[in-house]
Amino acid sequence: MALMITHECINCDVCEPECPNQAISQGEDIFVIDPERCTECVGHFDTPQCVAVCPVDCIPKDPEREETHDQLYAKYLRLTAVS
């Protein structure tokens, strides 16, 4: 499942550069994660890098976007395919 950033976000900006899929961007009030680009770092790292660096623990799994490891890996392959 994709990750999401909750309103506990303090806009510290440490998560955005850590995302290998460029799924994190500044939203209207807080940073947001594009679920179409989030693979929970599957294919890149063993653990989600944004979660690892978040100082306030505000990046849980999005309960509305359940995806298996295989689905996340397939998304990774699509995102990294060379045209």
N, C-alpha and C. Protein backbone atom coordinates (compact mmCIF):
# COMPACT_ATOMS: atom_id res chain seq x y z
N MET A 1 0.85 -1.18 0.00
CA MET A 1 0.00 0.00 0.00
C MET A 1 0.88 1.23 0.00
N ALA A 2 0.40 2.24 -0.59
CA ALA A 2 1.14 3.50 -0.62
C ALA A 2 1.16 4.12 0.78
N LEU A 3 2.08 5.00 0.98
CA LEU A 3 2.16 5.72 2.25
C LEU A 3 1.42 7.05 2.13
N MET A 4 1.19 7.66 3.27
CA MET A 4 0.53 8.96 3.30
C MET A 4 1.17 9.80 4.39
N ILE A 5 1.06 11.11 4.27
CA ILE A 5 1.58 12.00 5.29
C ILE A 5 0.39 12.61 6.03
N THR A 6 0.41 12.52 7.35
CA THR A 6 -0.71 13.02 8.15
C THR A 6 -0.49 14.49 8.52
N HIS A 7 -1.49 15.08 9.12
CA HIS A 7 -1.44 16.49 9.49
C HIS A 7 -0.47 16.78 10.65
N GLU A 8 0.14 15.74 11.20
CA GLU A 8 1.19 15.96 12.19
C GLU A 8 2.48 16.45 11.53
N CYS A 9 2.51 16.44 10.20
CA CYS A 9 3.69 16.89 9.45
C CYS A 9 4.07 18.31 9.87
N ILE A 10 5.37 18.51 10.10
CA ILE A 10 5.86 19.84 10.52
C ILE A 10 6.58 20.56 9.37
N ASN A 11 6.42 20.05 8.15
CA ASN A 11 7.03 20.67 6.96
C ASN A 11 8.54 20.84 7.09
N CYS A 12 9.20 19.85 7.62
CA CYS A 12 10.65 19.95 7.82
C CYS A 12 11.43 19.68 6.54
N ASP A 13 10.80 19.06 5.55
CA ASP A 13 11.40 18.84 4.23
C ASP A 13 12.48 17.76 4.21
N VAL A 14 12.59 16.91 5.21
CA VAL A 14 13.61 15.87 5.15
C VAL A 14 13.16 14.67 4.33
N CYS A 15 11.86 14.47 4.18
CA CYS A 15 11.36 13.31 3.46
C CYS A 15 11.46 13.45 1.94
N GLU A 16 11.19 14.63 1.44
CA GLU A 16 11.11 14.84 -0.02
C GLU A 16 12.37 14.38 -0.77
N PRO A 17 13.56 14.81 -0.37
CA PRO A 17 14.74 14.38 -1.13
C PRO A 17 15.10 12.91 -0.95
N GLU A 18 14.54 12.25 0.05
CA GLU A 18 14.83 10.84 0.28
C GLU A 18 14.04 9.90 -0.63
N CYS A 19 12.97 10.39 -1.24
CA CYS A 19 12.09 9.53 -2.04
C CYS A 19 12.72 9.23 -3.40
N PRO A 20 13.02 7.96 -3.68
CA PRO A 20 13.64 7.62 -4.95
C PRO A 20 12.68 7.72 -6.14
N ASN A 21 11.39 7.80 -5.87
CA ASN A 21 10.39 7.87 -6.93
C ASN A 21 9.82 9.26 -7.14
N GLN A 22 10.35 10.23 -6.41
CA GLN A 22 9.85 11.60 -6.47
C GLN A 22 8.33 11.65 -6.26
N ALA A 23 7.87 10.87 -5.29
CA ALA A 23 6.45 10.80 -4.98
C ALA A 23 6.02 11.86 -3.96
N ILE A 24 6.99 12.51 -3.31
CA ILE A 24 6.68 13.47 -2.25
C ILE A 24 6.86 14.89 -2.76
N SER A 25 5.86 15.72 -2.49
CA SER A 25 5.94 17.13 -2.90
C SER A 25 5.25 17.99 -1.85
N GLN A 26 5.50 19.28 -1.93
CA GLN A 26 4.86 20.21 -1.00
C GLN A 26 3.40 20.38 -1.43
N GLY A 27 2.50 20.12 -0.51
CA GLY A 27 1.09 20.32 -0.76
C GLY A 27 0.68 21.71 -0.31
N GLU A 28 -0.61 21.92 -0.23
CA GLU A 28 -1.12 23.23 0.18
C GLU A 28 -0.71 23.58 1.61
N ASP A 29 -0.85 22.61 2.52
CA ASP A 29 -0.53 22.85 3.93
C ASP A 29 0.67 22.03 4.42
N ILE A 30 0.76 20.80 3.93
CA ILE A 30 1.82 19.89 4.36
C ILE A 30 2.35 19.16 3.13
N PHE A 31 3.41 18.39 3.31
CA PHE A 31 3.91 17.57 2.23
C PHE A 31 2.90 16.47 1.94
N VAL A 32 2.86 16.01 0.70
CA VAL A 32 1.92 14.97 0.28
C VAL A 32 2.67 13.91 -0.51
N ILE A 33 2.09 12.72 -0.55
CA ILE A 33 2.67 11.61 -1.30
C ILE A 33 1.72 11.23 -2.42
N ASP A 34 2.23 11.17 -3.64
CA ASP A 34 1.45 10.74 -4.80
C ASP A 34 1.39 9.22 -4.76
N PRO A 35 0.21 8.64 -4.51
CA PRO A 35 0.11 7.18 -4.39
C PRO A 35 0.44 6.44 -5.69
N GLU A 36 0.36 7.13 -6.81
CA GLU A 36 0.70 6.50 -8.09
C GLU A 36 2.21 6.34 -8.26
N ARG A 37 2.98 7.07 -7.46
CA ARG A 37 4.45 7.01 -7.54
C ARG A 37 5.07 6.32 -6.32
N CYS A 38 4.30 6.15 -5.24
CA CYS A 38 4.84 5.57 -4.02
C CYS A 38 4.89 4.05 -4.12
N THR A 39 6.09 3.49 -3.95
CA THR A 39 6.27 2.04 -3.91
C THR A 39 6.73 1.57 -2.54
N GLU A 40 6.66 2.47 -1.55
CA GLU A 40 7.20 2.19 -0.22
C GLU A 40 8.67 1.81 -0.32
N CYS A 41 9.33 2.32 -1.33
CA CYS A 41 10.75 2.09 -1.63
C CYS A 41 11.04 0.66 -2.10
N VAL A 42 10.00 -0.14 -2.35
CA VAL A 42 10.21 -1.48 -2.90
C VAL A 42 10.96 -1.31 -4.22
N GLY A 43 12.00 -2.12 -4.41
CA GLY A 43 12.83 -2.04 -5.60
C GLY A 43 14.04 -1.15 -5.40
N HIS A 44 13.99 -0.28 -4.43
CA HIS A 44 15.11 0.62 -4.15
C HIS A 44 15.79 0.30 -2.82
N PHE A 45 14.99 0.18 -1.77
CA PHE A 45 15.50 -0.02 -0.41
C PHE A 45 14.64 -1.05 0.32
N ASP A 46 15.15 -1.54 1.44
CA ASP A 46 14.41 -2.52 2.25
C ASP A 46 13.30 -1.87 3.07
N THR A 47 13.44 -0.59 3.38
CA THR A 47 12.44 0.12 4.17
C THR A 47 12.14 1.47 3.53
N PRO A 48 10.94 2.00 3.74
CA PRO A 48 10.61 3.32 3.20
C PRO A 48 11.54 4.38 3.79
N GLN A 49 12.23 5.09 2.93
CA GLN A 49 13.21 6.07 3.38
C GLN A 49 12.57 7.28 4.04
N CYS A 50 11.40 7.68 3.57
CA CYS A 50 10.73 8.83 4.18
C CYS A 50 10.36 8.53 5.64
N VAL A 51 9.91 7.32 5.88
CA VAL A 51 9.55 6.92 7.25
C VAL A 51 10.79 6.92 8.13
N ALA A 52 11.90 6.45 7.58
CA ALA A 52 13.15 6.35 8.35
C ALA A 52 13.66 7.72 8.80
N VAL A 53 13.44 8.76 7.99
CA VAL A 53 13.98 10.08 8.34
C VAL A 53 12.97 11.01 9.00
N CYS A 54 11.71 10.67 9.02
CA CYS A 54 10.68 11.55 9.56
C CYS A 54 10.85 11.73 11.08
N PRO A 55 11.05 12.98 11.53
CA PRO A 55 11.28 13.20 12.95
C PRO A 55 10.01 13.15 13.81
N VAL A 56 8.83 13.19 13.18
CA VAL A 56 7.59 13.19 13.98
C VAL A 56 6.72 11.97 13.72
N ASP A 57 7.23 11.00 12.97
CA ASP A 57 6.51 9.74 12.75
C ASP A 57 5.10 10.00 12.20
N CYS A 58 5.01 10.74 11.10
CA CYS A 58 3.70 11.09 10.54
C CYS A 58 3.46 10.47 9.17
N ILE A 59 4.15 9.35 8.85
CA ILE A 59 4.00 8.74 7.54
C ILE A 59 3.58 7.27 7.68
N PRO A 60 2.30 7.03 7.89
CA PRO A 60 1.80 5.66 7.98
C PRO A 60 1.41 5.13 6.59
N LYS A 61 1.04 3.86 6.57
CA LYS A 61 0.48 3.29 5.35
C LYS A 61 -0.91 3.86 5.14
N ASP A 62 -1.26 4.10 3.90
CA ASP A 62 -2.57 4.64 3.56
C ASP A 62 -3.57 3.49 3.52
N PRO A 63 -4.51 3.43 4.45
CA PRO A 63 -5.46 2.31 4.50
C PRO A 63 -6.37 2.25 3.26
N GLU A 64 -6.44 3.32 2.51
CA GLU A 64 -7.29 3.36 1.30
C GLU A 64 -6.54 2.85 0.07
N ARG A 65 -5.24 2.55 0.20
CA ARG A 65 -4.42 2.17 -0.95
C ARG A 65 -3.66 0.87 -0.67
N GLU A 66 -4.38 -0.20 -0.36
CA GLU A 66 -3.74 -1.47 -0.06
C GLU A 66 -3.11 -2.06 -1.32
N GLU A 67 -1.82 -2.38 -1.23
CA GLU A 67 -1.09 -3.00 -2.33
C GLU A 67 -0.15 -4.06 -1.77
N THR A 68 -0.02 -5.17 -2.49
CA THR A 68 0.89 -6.22 -2.07
C THR A 68 2.31 -5.85 -2.47
N HIS A 69 3.27 -6.60 -1.94
CA HIS A 69 4.66 -6.39 -2.33
C HIS A 69 4.82 -6.54 -3.84
N ASP A 70 4.15 -7.53 -4.42
CA ASP A 70 4.24 -7.75 -5.87
C ASP A 70 3.67 -6.57 -6.65
N GLN A 71 2.57 -5.99 -6.18
CA GLN A 71 1.99 -4.83 -6.84
C GLN A 71 2.93 -3.62 -6.73
N LEU A 72 3.54 -3.44 -5.56
CA LEU A 72 4.48 -2.34 -5.38
C LEU A 72 5.70 -2.53 -6.28
N TYR A 73 6.15 -3.77 -6.42
CA TYR A 73 7.30 -4.04 -7.27
C TYR A 73 6.95 -3.79 -8.75
N ALA A 74 5.75 -4.17 -9.14
CA ALA A 74 5.30 -3.92 -10.52
C ALA A 74 5.24 -2.42 -10.79
N LYS A 75 4.79 -1.65 -9.81
CA LYS A 75 4.77 -0.19 -9.94
C LYS A 75 6.19 0.34 -10.08
N TYR A 76 7.11 -0.18 -9.26
CA TYR A 76 8.52 0.19 -9.35
C TYR A 76 9.05 -0.05 -10.77
N LEU A 77 8.75 -1.23 -11.33
CA LEU A 77 9.22 -1.56 -12.67
C LEU A 77 8.65 -0.59 -13.71
N ARG A 78 7.39 -0.22 -13.58
CA ARG A 78 6.78 0.76 -14.50
C ARG A 78 7.46 2.12 -14.38
N LEU A 79 7.69 2.54 -13.15
CA LEU A 79 8.29 3.86 -12.92
C LEU A 79 9.74 3.96 -13.38
N THR A 80 10.44 2.84 -13.36
CA THR A 80 11.86 2.87 -13.70
C THR A 80 12.13 2.34 -15.10
N ALA A 81 11.11 2.01 -15.85
CA ALA A 81 11.30 1.49 -17.22
C ALA A 81 11.95 2.56 -18.08
N VAL A 82 12.90 2.12 -18.85
CA VAL A 82 13.58 3.03 -19.77
C VAL A 82 12.82 3.04 -21.08
N SER A 83 12.48 4.23 -21.53
CA SER A 83 11.70 4.35 -22.78
C SER A 83 12.59 4.22 -23.99
